[in-house]
PDB file of N, CA and C in Angstrom:
ATOM      1  N   MET A   1      85.195  87.287 214.455  1.00  0.00           N
ATOM      2  CA  MET A   1      86.153  86.764 215.587  1.00  0.00           C
ATOM      3  C   MET A   1      85.371  86.476 216.718  1.00  0.00           C
ATOM      4  N   ASN A   2      85.764  85.628 217.496  1.00  0.00           N
ATOM      5  CA  ASN A   2      85.043  85.194 218.754  1.00  0.00           C
ATOM      6  C   ASN A   2      85.570  85.719 219.889  1.00  0.00           C
ATOM      7  N   LYS A   3      84.510  86.583 220.289  1.00  0.00           N
ATOM      8  CA  LYS A   3      84.809  87.546 221.361  1.00  0.00           C
ATOM      9  C   LYS A   3      84.120  87.013 222.673  1.00  0.00           C
ATOM     10  N   GLU A   4      84.939  86.983 223.880  1.00  0.00           N
ATOM     11  CA  GLU A   4      84.114  86.356 224.978  1.00  0.00           C
ATOM     12  C   GLU A   4      84.468  87.287 226.160  1.00  0.00           C
ATOM     13  N   ILE A   5      83.377  87.375 227.387  1.00  0.00           N
ATOM     14  CA  ILE A   5      83.521  88.179 228.210  1.00  0.00           C
ATOM     15  C   ILE A   5      83.246  87.300 229.575  1.00  0.00           C
ATOM     16  N   ILE A   6      83.668  87.369 230.586  1.00  0.00           N
ATOM     17  CA  ILE A   6      83.487  86.738 231.706  1.00  0.00           C
ATOM     18  C   ILE A   6      83.015  87.659 233.063  1.00  0.00           C
ATOM     19  N   THR A   7      81.787  87.286 233.580  1.00  0.00           N
ATOM     20  CA  THR A   7      81.455  88.346 234.657  1.00  0.00           C
ATOM     21  C   THR A   7      80.948  87.260 236.074  1.00  0.00           C
ATOM     22  N   LYS A   8      81.585  87.501 237.035  1.00  0.00           N
ATOM     23  CA  LYS A   8      81.573  86.748 238.141  1.00  0.00           C
ATOM     24  C   LYS A   8      80.601  87.690 239.606  1.00  0.00           C
ATOM     25  N   HIS A   9      80.055  87.093 240.031  1.00  0.00           N
ATOM     26  CA  HIS A   9      79.221  87.606 241.550  1.00  0.00           C
ATOM     27  C   HIS A   9      79.839  86.612 242.659  1.00  0.00           C
ATOM     28  N   CYS A  10      80.570  87.185 243.225  1.00  0.00           N
ATOM     29  CA  CYS A  10      81.125  86.198 244.419  1.00  0.00           C
ATOM     30  C   CYS A  10      80.187  86.262 245.692  1.00  0.00           C
ATOM     31  N   TYR A  11      79.981  85.439 246.419  1.00  0.00           N
ATOM     32  CA  TYR A  11      79.309  85.445 247.654  1.00  0.00           C
ATOM     33  C   TYR A  11      77.668  85.796 247.620  1.00  0.00           C
ATOM     34  N   ALA A  12      77.294  85.582 246.495  1.00  0.00           N
ATOM     35  CA  ALA A  12      75.848  85.686 246.495  1.00  0.00           C
ATOM     36  C   ALA A  12      74.972  85.076 247.485  1.00  0.00           C
ATOM     37  N   ASN A  13      74.036  85.610 248.577  1.00  0.00           N
ATOM     38  CA  ASN A  13      73.296  85.330 249.349  1.00  0.00           C
ATOM     39  C   ASN A  13      71.984  84.235 249.086  1.00  0.00           C
ATOM     40  N   SER A  14      72.735  83.091 248.678  1.00  0.00           N
ATOM     41  CA  SER A  14      71.764  81.707 248.138  1.00  0.00           C
ATOM     42  C   SER A  14      72.441  80.590 247.810  1.00  0.00           C
ATOM     43  N   SER A  15      71.815  79.862 248.073  1.00  0.00           N
ATOM     44  CA  SER A  15      72.543  78.478 248.045  1.00  0.00           C
ATOM     45  C   SER A  15      72.742  77.966 246.545  1.00  0.00           C
ATOM     46  N   ALA A  16      73.592  77.160 246.186  1.00  0.00           N
ATOM     47  CA  ALA A  16      74.066  76.664 244.627  1.00  0.00           C
ATOM     48  C   ALA A  16      73.031  76.136 244.432  1.00  0.00           C
ATOM     49  N   GLN A  17      72.681  75.204 245.145  1.00  0.00           N
ATOM     50  CA  GLN A  17      71.204  74.453 244.470  1.00  0.00           C
ATOM     51  C   GLN A  17      70.140  75.058 243.976  1.00  0.00           C
ATOM     52  N   LYS A  18      69.660  76.240 244.672  1.00  0.00           N
ATOM     53  CA  LYS A  18      69.007  76.860 244.346  1.00  0.00           C
ATOM     54  C   LYS A  18      69.070  77.996 243.080  1.00  0.00           C
ATOM     55  N   LEU A  19      70.180  78.399 243.015  1.00  0.00           N
ATOM     56  CA  LEU A  19      70.870  78.907 241.650  1.00  0.00           C
ATOM     57  C   LEU A  19      70.793  78.365 240.525  1.00  0.00           C
ATOM     58  N   ARG A  20      71.223  76.983 240.595  1.00  0.00           N
ATOM     59  CA  ARG A  20      71.517  75.805 239.490  1.00  0.00           C
ATOM     60  C   ARG A  20      70.249  75.417 238.789  1.00  0.00           C
ATOM     61  N   LEU A  21      68.879  75.797 239.729  1.00  0.00           N
ATOM     62  CA  LEU A  21      67.906  75.424 238.919  1.00  0.00           C
ATOM     63  C   LEU A  21      67.659  76.459 237.762  1.00  0.00           C
ATOM     64  N   ILE A  22      67.867  77.718 238.453  1.00  0.00           N
ATOM     65  CA  ILE A  22      67.364  78.743 237.214  1.00  0.00           C
ATOM     66  C   ILE A  22      68.480  78.911 236.269  1.00  0.00           C
ATOM     67  N   SER A  23      69.885  78.701 236.657  1.00  0.00           N
ATOM     68  CA  SER A  23      70.870  78.659 235.336  1.00  0.00           C
ATOM     69  C   SER A  23      70.453  77.728 234.571  1.00  0.00           C
ATOM     70  N   ASN A  24      70.110  76.416 234.828  1.00  0.00           N
ATOM     71  CA  ASN A  24      70.059  75.384 233.855  1.00  0.00           C
ATOM     72  C   ASN A  24      68.980  75.961 232.619  1.00  0.00           C
ATOM     73  N   LEU A  25      67.936  76.660 233.451  1.00  0.00           N
ATOM     74  CA  LEU A  25      66.985  77.327 232.262  1.00  0.00           C
ATOM     75  C   LEU A  25      67.396  78.059 231.127  1.00  0.00           C
ATOM     76  N   ILE A  26      68.547  78.638 231.246  1.00  0.00           N
ATOM     77  CA  ILE A  26      69.234  79.814 230.154  1.00  0.00           C
ATOM     78  C   ILE A  26      70.237  79.254 229.584  1.00  0.00           C
ATOM     79  N   LYS A  27      70.769  78.249 229.824  1.00  0.00           N
ATOM     80  CA  LYS A  27      72.163  77.683 229.591  1.00  0.00           C
ATOM     81  C   LYS A  27      72.199  77.500 227.929  1.00  0.00           C
ATOM     82  N   GLY A  28      72.873  78.177 227.371  1.00  0.00           N
ATOM     83  CA  GLY A  28      73.252  78.211 226.035  1.00  0.00           C
ATOM     84  C   GLY A  28      72.300  78.985 224.899  1.00  0.00           C
ATOM     85  N   LYS A  29      71.367  79.718 225.713  1.00  0.00           N
ATOM     86  CA  LYS A  29      70.680  80.672 225.131  1.00  0.00           C
ATOM     87  C   LYS A  29      70.997  81.921 224.762  1.00  0.00           C
ATOM     88  N   ASN A  30      70.137  82.740 223.931  1.00  0.00           N
ATOM     89  CA  ASN A  30      70.502  84.083 223.666  1.00  0.00           C
ATOM     90  C   ASN A  30      70.344  84.711 224.844  1.00  0.00           C
ATOM     91  N   ALA A  31      71.342  85.849 225.117  1.00  0.00           N
ATOM     92  CA  ALA A  31      71.134  86.553 226.148  1.00  0.00           C
ATOM     93  C   ALA A  31      69.787  87.520 226.490  1.00  0.00           C
ATOM     94  N   ILE A  32      69.502  87.969 225.239  1.00  0.00           N
ATOM     95  CA  ILE A  32      68.230  88.795 225.571  1.00  0.00           C
ATOM     96  C   ILE A  32      67.002  87.939 225.856  1.00  0.00           C
ATOM     97  N   LYS A  33      66.869  86.722 225.319  1.00  0.00           N
ATOM     98  CA  LYS A  33      65.957  85.697 225.544  1.00  0.00           C
ATOM     99  C   LYS A  33      65.978  85.464 226.830  1.00  0.00           C
ATOM    100  N   ALA A  34      67.148  85.060 227.517  1.00  0.00           N
ATOM    101  CA  ALA A  34      67.516  84.813 228.607  1.00  0.00           C
ATOM    102  C   ALA A  34      67.160  85.665 229.593  1.00  0.00           C
ATOM    103  N   LEU A  35      67.311  86.976 229.453  1.00  0.00           N
ATOM    104  CA  LEU A  35      66.522  88.235 230.310  1.00  0.00           C
ATOM    105  C   LEU A  35      65.090  88.015 230.410  1.00  0.00           C
ATOM    106  N   GLU A  36      64.606  87.648 229.453  1.00  0.00           N
ATOM    107  CA  GLU A  36      63.090  87.821 229.378  1.00  0.00           C
ATOM    108  C   GLU A  36      62.642  86.193 230.311  1.00  0.00           C
ATOM    109  N   ILE A  37      63.329  85.354 229.990  1.00  0.00           N
ATOM    110  CA  ILE A  37      62.832  84.432 230.837  1.00  0.00           C
ATOM    111  C   ILE A  37      63.240  84.366 232.216  1.00  0.00           C
ATOM    112  N   LEU A  38      64.263  85.116 232.674  1.00  0.00           N
ATOM    113  CA  LEU A  38      64.579  85.663 233.976  1.00  0.00           C
ATOM    114  C   LEU A  38      63.623  86.363 234.711  1.00  0.00           C
ATOM    115  N   LYS A  39      63.256  87.377 233.724  1.00  0.00           N
ATOM    116  CA  LYS A  39      62.163  88.512 234.279  1.00  0.00           C
ATOM    117  C   LYS A  39      60.771  87.986 234.694  1.00  0.00           C
ATOM    118  N   TYR A  40      60.370  86.634 233.883  1.00  0.00           N
ATOM    119  CA  TYR A  40      59.121  86.330 234.588  1.00  0.00           C
ATOM    120  C   TYR A  40      59.251  84.916 235.386  1.00  0.00           C
ATOM    121  N   ASN A  41      60.445  84.975 236.093  1.00  0.00           N
ATOM    122  CA  ASN A  41      60.443  84.200 237.011  1.00  0.00           C
ATOM    123  C   ASN A  41      60.184  84.500 238.331  1.00  0.00           C
ATOM    124  N   SER A  42      59.656  83.720 239.262  1.00  0.00           N
ATOM    125  CA  SER A  42      59.476  84.629 240.510  1.00  0.00           C
ATOM    126  C   SER A  42      60.632  84.003 241.705  1.00  0.00           C
ATOM    127  N   LYS A  43      61.449  83.438 241.412  1.00  0.00           N
ATOM    128  CA  LYS A  43      62.326  83.337 242.374  1.00  0.00           C
ATOM    129  C   LYS A  43      63.282  84.011 242.557  1.00  0.00           C
ATOM    130  N   LYS A  44      64.074  84.449 243.885  1.00  0.00           N
ATOM    131  CA  LYS A  44      64.988  85.133 244.101  1.00  0.00           C
ATOM    132  C   LYS A  44      66.219  84.984 243.598  1.00  0.00           C
ATOM    133  N   ALA A  45      66.436  83.664 243.263  1.00  0.00           N
ATOM    134  CA  ALA A  45      67.786  83.290 242.367  1.00  0.00           C
ATOM    135  C   ALA A  45      67.657  84.036 240.962  1.00  0.00           C
ATOM    136  N   SER A  46      66.422  84.133 240.383  1.00  0.00           N
ATOM    137  CA  SER A  46      66.612  84.629 239.151  1.00  0.00           C
ATOM    138  C   SER A  46      66.944  86.308 239.190  1.00  0.00           C
ATOM    139  N   ASN A  47      66.482  86.901 240.344  1.00  0.00           N
ATOM    140  CA  ASN A  47      67.203  88.164 240.218  1.00  0.00           C
ATOM    141  C   ASN A  47      68.633  88.432 240.282  1.00  0.00           C
ATOM    142  N   LEU A  48      69.129  87.467 241.072  1.00  0.00           N
ATOM    143  CA  LEU A  48      70.645  87.588 241.514  1.00  0.00           C
ATOM    144  C   LEU A  48      71.047  87.063 240.011  1.00  0.00           C
ATOM    145  N   ILE A  49      70.858  85.977 239.134  1.00  0.00           N
ATOM    146  CA  ILE A  49      71.351  85.673 237.736  1.00  0.00           C
ATOM    147  C   ILE A  49      71.335  86.953 237.005  1.00  0.00           C
ATOM    148  N   LYS A  50      69.935  87.333 237.133  1.00  0.00           N
ATOM    149  CA  LYS A  50      69.653  88.561 236.119  1.00  0.00           C
ATOM    150  C   LYS A  50      70.422  89.841 236.114  1.00  0.00           C
ATOM    151  N   LYS A  51      70.865  90.178 237.158  1.00  0.00           N
ATOM    152  CA  LYS A  51      71.885  91.083 237.431  1.00  0.00           C
ATOM    153  C   LYS A  51      73.203  91.088 237.080  1.00  0.00           C
ATOM    154  N   VAL A  52      73.619  89.621 237.362  1.00  0.00           N
ATOM    155  CA  VAL A  52      74.836  89.347 236.696  1.00  0.00           C
ATOM    156  C   VAL A  52      74.875  89.349 235.444  1.00  0.00           C
ATOM    157  N   LEU A  53      73.908  88.749 234.733  1.00  0.00           N
ATOM    158  CA  LEU A  53      73.777  88.812 232.960  1.00  0.00           C
ATOM    159  C   LEU A  53      73.750  90.325 232.678  1.00  0.00           C
ATOM    160  N   LYS A  54      73.008  91.206 233.274  1.00  0.00           N
ATOM    161  CA  LYS A  54      73.016  92.603 232.759  1.00  0.00           C
ATOM    162  C   LYS A  54      74.088  93.320 232.868  1.00  0.00           C
ATOM    163  N   SER A  55      74.990  92.916 234.064  1.00  0.00           N
ATOM    164  CA  SER A  55      76.530  93.468 234.022  1.00  0.00           C
ATOM    165  C   SER A  55      77.012  92.948 232.921  1.00  0.00           C
ATOM    166  N   ALA A  56      77.153  91.541 232.544  1.00  0.00           N
ATOM    167  CA  ALA A  56      77.912  91.109 231.634  1.00  0.00           C
ATOM    168  C   ALA A  56      77.574  91.767 230.505  1.00  0.00           C
ATOM    169  N   ILE A  57      76.474  91.967 230.276  1.00  0.00           N
ATOM    170  CA  ILE A  57      75.966  92.568 228.721  1.00  0.00           C
ATOM    171  C   ILE A  57      76.612  93.797 228.606  1.00  0.00           C
ATOM    172  N   SER A  58      76.696  94.535 229.844  1.00  0.00           N
ATOM    173  CA  SER A  58      77.216  96.151 229.651  1.00  0.00           C
ATOM    174  C   SER A  58      78.348  95.905 229.514  1.00  0.00           C
ATOM    175  N   ASN A  59      79.171  95.059 230.259  1.00  0.00           N
ATOM    176  CA  ASN A  59      80.628  95.048 229.769  1.00  0.00           C
ATOM    177  C   ASN A  59      80.862  94.387 228.674  1.00  0.00           C
ATOM    178  N   PHE A  60      80.271  93.905 227.917  1.00  0.00           N
ATOM    179  CA  PHE A  60      80.494  93.384 226.722  1.00  0.00           C
ATOM    180  C   PHE A  60      80.394  94.734 225.642  1.00  0.00           C
ATOM    181  N   LYS A  61      79.526  95.610 226.120  1.00  0.00           N
ATOM    182  CA  LYS A  61      79.395  96.612 225.088  1.00  0.00           C
ATOM    183  C   LYS A  61      80.575  97.524 225.337  1.00  0.00           C
ATOM    184  N   ILE A  62      81.069  97.670 226.608  1.00  0.00           N
ATOM    185  CA  ILE A  62      82.296  98.699 226.617  1.00  0.00           C
ATOM    186  C   ILE A  62      83.247  98.282 226.048  1.00  0.00           C
ATOM    187  N   TYR A  63      83.721  97.034 226.249  1.00  0.00           N
ATOM    188  CA  TYR A  63      84.970  96.602 225.604  1.00  0.00           C
ATOM    189  C   TYR A  63      85.064  96.184 224.116  1.00  0.00           C
ATOM    190  N   ASN A  64      83.531  95.856 223.674  1.00  0.00           N
ATOM    191  CA  ASN A  64      83.543  95.419 222.250  1.00  0.00           C
ATOM    192  C   ASN A  64      82.424  96.514 221.473  1.00  0.00           C
ATOM    193  N   ILE A  65      82.926  97.720 221.217  1.00  0.00           N
ATOM    194  CA  ILE A  65      82.142  98.505 220.637  1.00  0.00           C
ATOM    195  C   ILE A  65      81.442  98.275 219.561  1.00  0.00           C
ATOM    196  N   ASN A  66      81.913  97.685 218.588  1.00  0.00           N
ATOM    197  CA  ASN A  66      81.592  97.477 217.124  1.00  0.00           C
ATOM    198  C   ASN A  66      80.784  96.426 216.727  1.00  0.00           C
ATOM    199  N   THR A  67      80.510  95.567 217.966  1.00  0.00           N
ATOM    200  CA  THR A  67      79.822  94.250 217.997  1.00  0.00           C
ATOM    201  C   THR A  67      78.220  94.336 218.043  1.00  0.00           C
ATOM    202  N   ASN A  68      77.253  93.637 217.646  1.00  0.00           N
ATOM    203  CA  ASN A  68      76.008  93.789 217.900  1.00  0.00           C
ATOM    204  C   ASN A  68      75.560  92.698 219.176  1.00  0.00           C
ATOM    205  N   VAL A  69      74.686  93.380 220.068  1.00  0.00           N
ATOM    206  CA  VAL A  69      74.442  93.069 221.233  1.00  0.00           C
ATOM    207  C   VAL A  69      73.685  92.008 221.389  1.00  0.00           C
ATOM    208  N   LYS A  70      72.907  91.647 220.116  1.00  0.00           N
ATOM    209  CA  LYS A  70      71.459  90.767 219.625  1.00  0.00           C
ATOM    210  C   LYS A  70      72.027  89.454 219.513  1.00  0.00           C
ATOM    211  N   LEU A  71      73.689  89.263 219.161  1.00  0.00           N
ATOM    212  CA  LEU A  71      74.070  88.001 219.167  1.00  0.00           C
ATOM    213  C   LEU A  71      74.736  87.304 219.941  1.00  0.00           C
ATOM    214  N   LEU A  72      74.598  87.928 220.914  1.00  0.00           N
ATOM    215  CA  LEU A  72      75.485  87.510 222.263  1.00  0.00           C
ATOM    216  C   LEU A  72      74.444  86.322 222.644  1.00  0.00           C
ATOM    217  N   TYR A  73      75.066  85.335 223.177  1.00  0.00           N
ATOM    218  CA  TYR A  73      74.586  84.046 223.651  1.00  0.00           C
ATOM    219  C   TYR A  73      75.339  83.639 225.255  1.00  0.00           C
ATOM    220  N   ILE A  74      74.929  82.722 226.035  1.00  0.00           N
ATOM    221  CA  ILE A  74      75.468  82.354 227.107  1.00  0.00           C
ATOM    222  C   ILE A  74      76.590  81.290 226.789  1.00  0.00           C
ATOM    223  N   LYS A  75      77.585  81.199 226.635  1.00  0.00           N
ATOM    224  CA  LYS A  75      78.642  80.256 226.344  1.00  0.00           C
ATOM    225  C   LYS A  75      78.558  79.143 227.520  1.00  0.00           C
ATOM    226  N   LYS A  76      78.797  79.872 228.651  1.00  0.00           N
ATOM    227  CA  LYS A  76      78.678  79.016 229.878  1.00  0.00           C
ATOM    228  C   LYS A  76      78.145  79.695 230.822  1.00  0.00           C
ATOM    229  N   ILE A  77      77.522  79.212 232.113  1.00  0.00           N
ATOM    230  CA  ILE A  77      77.027  79.714 233.222  1.00  0.00           C
ATOM    231  C   ILE A  77      77.460  78.597 234.171  1.00  0.00           C
ATOM    232  N   PHE A  78      78.154  78.825 235.307  1.00  0.00           N
ATOM    233  CA  PHE A  78      78.083  77.791 236.206  1.00  0.00           C
ATOM    234  C   PHE A  78      78.214  78.393 237.672  1.00  0.00           C
ATOM    235  N   ILE A  79      77.511  77.857 238.415  1.00  0.00           N
ATOM    236  CA  ILE A  79      77.540  78.040 240.091  1.00  0.00           C
ATOM    237  C   ILE A  79      78.274  77.090 240.974  1.00  0.00           C
ATOM    238  N   ASP A  80      79.067  77.901 241.457  1.00  0.00           N
ATOM    239  CA  ASP A  80      80.106  77.209 242.618  1.00  0.00           C
ATOM    240  C   ASP A  80      79.607  77.435 243.833  1.00  0.00           C
ATOM    241  N   GLU A  81      79.971  76.631 244.657  1.00  0.00           N
ATOM    242  CA  GLU A  81      79.650  76.814 246.383  1.00  0.00           C
ATOM    243  C   GLU A  81      80.577  77.923 246.934  1.00  0.00           C
ATOM    244  N   GLY A  82      80.110  78.753 247.650  1.00  0.00           N
ATOM    245  CA  GLY A  82      81.085  79.657 248.475  1.00  0.00           C
ATOM    246  C   GLY A  82      81.231  79.491 250.143  1.00  0.00           C
ATOM    247  N   SER A  83      81.431  80.411 250.830  1.00  0.00           N
ATOM    248  CA  SER A  83      81.704  79.830 252.184  1.00  0.00           C
ATOM    249  C   SER A  83      80.363  79.867 253.204  1.00  0.00           C
ATOM    250  N   ARG A  84      80.462  79.340 253.810  1.00  0.00           N
ATOM    251  CA  ARG A  84      79.247  79.009 255.098  1.00  0.00           C
ATOM    252  C   ARG A  84      79.215  79.579 256.567  1.00  0.00           C
ATOM    253  N   SER A  85      78.602  80.228 256.683  1.00  0.00           N
ATOM    254  CA  SER A  85      78.345  80.843 258.079  1.00  0.00           C
ATOM    255  C   SER A  85      77.527  79.885 259.004  1.00  0.00           C
ATOM    256  N   LYS A  86      77.999  79.900 260.134  1.00  0.00           N
ATOM    257  CA  LYS A  86      77.554  78.964 261.157  1.00  0.00           C
ATOM    258  C   LYS A  86      76.392  80.103 261.808  1.00  0.00           C
ATOM    259  N   ARG A  87      75.181  79.668 262.145  1.00  0.00           N
ATOM    260  CA  ARG A  87      74.351  80.447 263.008  1.00  0.00           C
ATOM    261  C   ARG A  87      73.979  79.367 264.177  1.00  0.00           C
ATOM    262  N   ILE A  88      73.767  79.772 265.451  1.00  0.00           N
ATOM    263  CA  ILE A  88      73.257  78.867 266.384  1.00  0.00           C
ATOM    264  C   ILE A  88      71.812  79.044 266.530  1.00  0.00           C
ATOM    265  N   PHE A  89      71.079  78.251 266.772  1.00  0.00           N
ATOM    266  CA  PHE A  89      69.817  78.073 266.739  1.00  0.00           C
ATOM    267  C   PHE A  89      69.160  77.636 268.125  1.00  0.00           C
ATOM    268  N   PRO A  90      68.701  78.090 269.014  1.00  0.00           N
ATOM    269  CA  PRO A  90      68.510  77.409 270.349  1.00  0.00           C
ATOM    270  C   PRO A  90      67.229  76.397 270.396  1.00  0.00           C
ATOM    271  N   ARG A  91      67.741  75.311 271.320  1.00  0.00           N
ATOM    272  CA  ARG A  91      66.661  74.257 271.180  1.00  0.00           C
ATOM    273  C   ARG A  91      66.181  73.947 272.766  1.00  0.00           C
ATOM    274  N   ALA A  92      65.568  73.035 272.856  1.00  0.00           N
ATOM    275  CA  ALA A  92      64.794  72.589 274.123  1.00  0.00           C
ATOM    276  C   ALA A  92      65.877  72.052 274.953  1.00  0.00           C
ATOM    277  N   LYS A  93      65.872  72.522 276.508  1.00  0.00           N
ATOM    278  CA  LYS A  93      66.672  71.859 277.464  1.00  0.00           C
ATOM    279  C   LYS A  93      68.087  72.414 277.307  1.00  0.00           C
ATOM    280  N   GLY A  94      68.556  73.363 276.915  1.00  0.00           N
ATOM    281  CA  GLY A  94      69.438  74.174 276.902  1.00  0.00           C
ATOM    282  C   GLY A  94      70.518  73.732 275.550  1.00  0.00           C
ATOM    283  N   LYS A  95      70.033  72.920 274.696  1.00  0.00           N
ATOM    284  CA  LYS A  95      70.827  72.626 273.529  1.00  0.00           C
ATOM    285  C   LYS A  95      70.713  73.578 272.154  1.00  0.00           C
ATOM    286  N   THR A  96      71.443  73.186 271.334  1.00  0.00           N
ATOM    287  CA  THR A  96      71.469  74.110 270.305  1.00  0.00           C
ATOM    288  C   THR A  96      71.561  73.493 269.208  1.00  0.00           C
ATOM    289  N   ASP A  97      71.224  73.856 267.719  1.00  0.00           N
ATOM    290  CA  ASP A  97      71.462  73.350 266.525  1.00  0.00           C
ATOM    291  C   ASP A  97      72.010  74.230 265.726  1.00  0.00           C
ATOM    292  N   TYR A  98      72.708  74.019 264.827  1.00  0.00           N
ATOM    293  CA  TYR A  98      73.644  75.076 263.706  1.00  0.00           C
ATOM    294  C   TYR A  98      72.708  75.263 262.479  1.00  0.00           C
ATOM    295  N   ILE A  99      72.882  76.599 262.137  1.00  0.00           N
ATOM    296  CA  ILE A  99      71.798  76.754 260.792  1.00  0.00           C
ATOM    297  C   ILE A  99      73.010  77.259 259.598  1.00  0.00           C
ATOM    298  N   LEU A 100      73.295  76.540 258.630  1.00  0.00           N
ATOM    299  CA  LEU A 100      74.247  76.973 257.541  1.00  0.00           C
ATOM    300  C   LEU A 100      73.625  77.853 256.826  1.00  0.00           C
ATOM    301  N   LYS A 101      74.265  79.385 257.096  1.00  0.00           N
ATOM    302  CA  LYS A 101      73.940  80.135 256.040  1.00  0.00           C
ATOM    303  C   LYS A 101      74.773  80.085 254.493  1.00  0.00           C
ATOM    304  N   ARG A 102      74.417  79.548 253.410  1.00  0.00           N
ATOM    305  CA  ARG A 102      75.086  79.244 252.468  1.00  0.00           C
ATOM    306  C   ARG A 102      75.458  80.426 251.363  1.00  0.00           C
ATOM    307  N   THR A 103      76.482  80.544 250.811  1.00  0.00           N
ATOM    308  CA  THR A 103      76.690  81.336 249.876  1.00  0.00           C
ATOM    309  C   THR A 103      77.327  80.470 248.391  1.00  0.00           C
ATOM    310  N   SER A 104      77.230  81.306 247.467  1.00  0.00           N
ATOM    311  CA  SER A 104      77.742  81.048 246.195  1.00  0.00           C
ATOM    312  C   SER A 104      78.398  81.876 245.036  1.00  0.00           C
ATOM    313  N   HIS A 105      78.837  81.439 244.157  1.00  0.00           N
ATOM    314  CA  HIS A 105      79.761  82.291 243.275  1.00  0.00           C
ATOM    315  C   HIS A 105      78.983  81.992 241.944  1.00  0.00           C
ATOM    316  N   ILE A 106      78.669  83.049 241.296  1.00  0.00           N
ATOM    317  CA  ILE A 106      77.943  82.970 239.906  1.00  0.00           C
ATOM    318  C   ILE A 106      79.228  83.498 238.860  1.00  0.00           C
ATOM    319  N   ASN A 107      79.086  82.678 237.987  1.00  0.00           N
ATOM    320  CA  ASN A 107      79.957  82.758 236.640  1.00  0.00           C
ATOM    321  C   ASN A 107      79.362  82.867 235.467  1.00  0.00           C
ATOM    322  N   ILE A 108      79.503  83.844 234.830  1.00  0.00           N
ATOM    323  CA  ILE A 108      78.767  83.563 233.303  1.00  0.00           C
ATOM    324  C   ILE A 108      79.756  84.360 232.218  1.00  0.00           C
ATOM    325  N   ILE A 109      79.692  83.457 231.267  1.00  0.00           N
ATOM    326  CA  ILE A 109      80.673  83.835 230.200  1.00  0.00           C
ATOM    327  C   ILE A 109      79.593  84.033 228.857  1.00  0.00           C
ATOM    328  N   LEU A 110      79.932  85.189 228.307  1.00  0.00           N
ATOM    329  CA  LEU A 110      79.119  85.780 227.201  1.00  0.00           C
ATOM    330  C   LEU A 110      80.006  85.496 225.733  1.00  0.00           C
ATOM    331  N   SER A 111      79.460  85.105 224.725  1.00  0.00           N
ATOM    332  CA  SER A 111      80.223  84.956 223.417  1.00  0.00           C
ATOM    333  C   SER A 111      79.294  85.727 222.365  1.00  0.00           C
ATOM    334  N   ASP A 112      80.036  85.911 221.339  1.00  0.00           N
ATOM    335  CA  ASP A 112      79.345  86.488 220.348  1.00  0.00           C
ATOM    336  C   ASP A 112      79.063  85.737 218.804  1.00  0.00           C
ATOM    337  N   ASN A 113      79.782  84.544 219.309  1.00  0.00           N
ATOM    338  CA  ASN A 113      80.128  83.702 217.875  1.00  0.00           C
ATOM    339  C   ASN A 113      78.722  82.529 217.771  1.00  0.00           C
TER     340      ASN A 113
END
């Protein structure tokens, strides 16, 4: 039977562009292999995605007791843009620039088929 679980992390403090670089590395891979890939990646985005993936695996264990975790793979992973906070950055002659603090939403769908 095809079982799926969806795990989300909303408002992650990283831009969607940076997170998509890492998510493309693990798309469609086995969940255990994906954790190994993320473990040896030095970017901040890999830690954020690794936390969500570990949460998805543990949620799958809770809701589907009789299934083998080694058969899990990442069916879909997608990163959406979240809200942006504006910060003021002072410049010369009394002018200001804006810094956009971007957030994003991480969605992972795990399947055992």
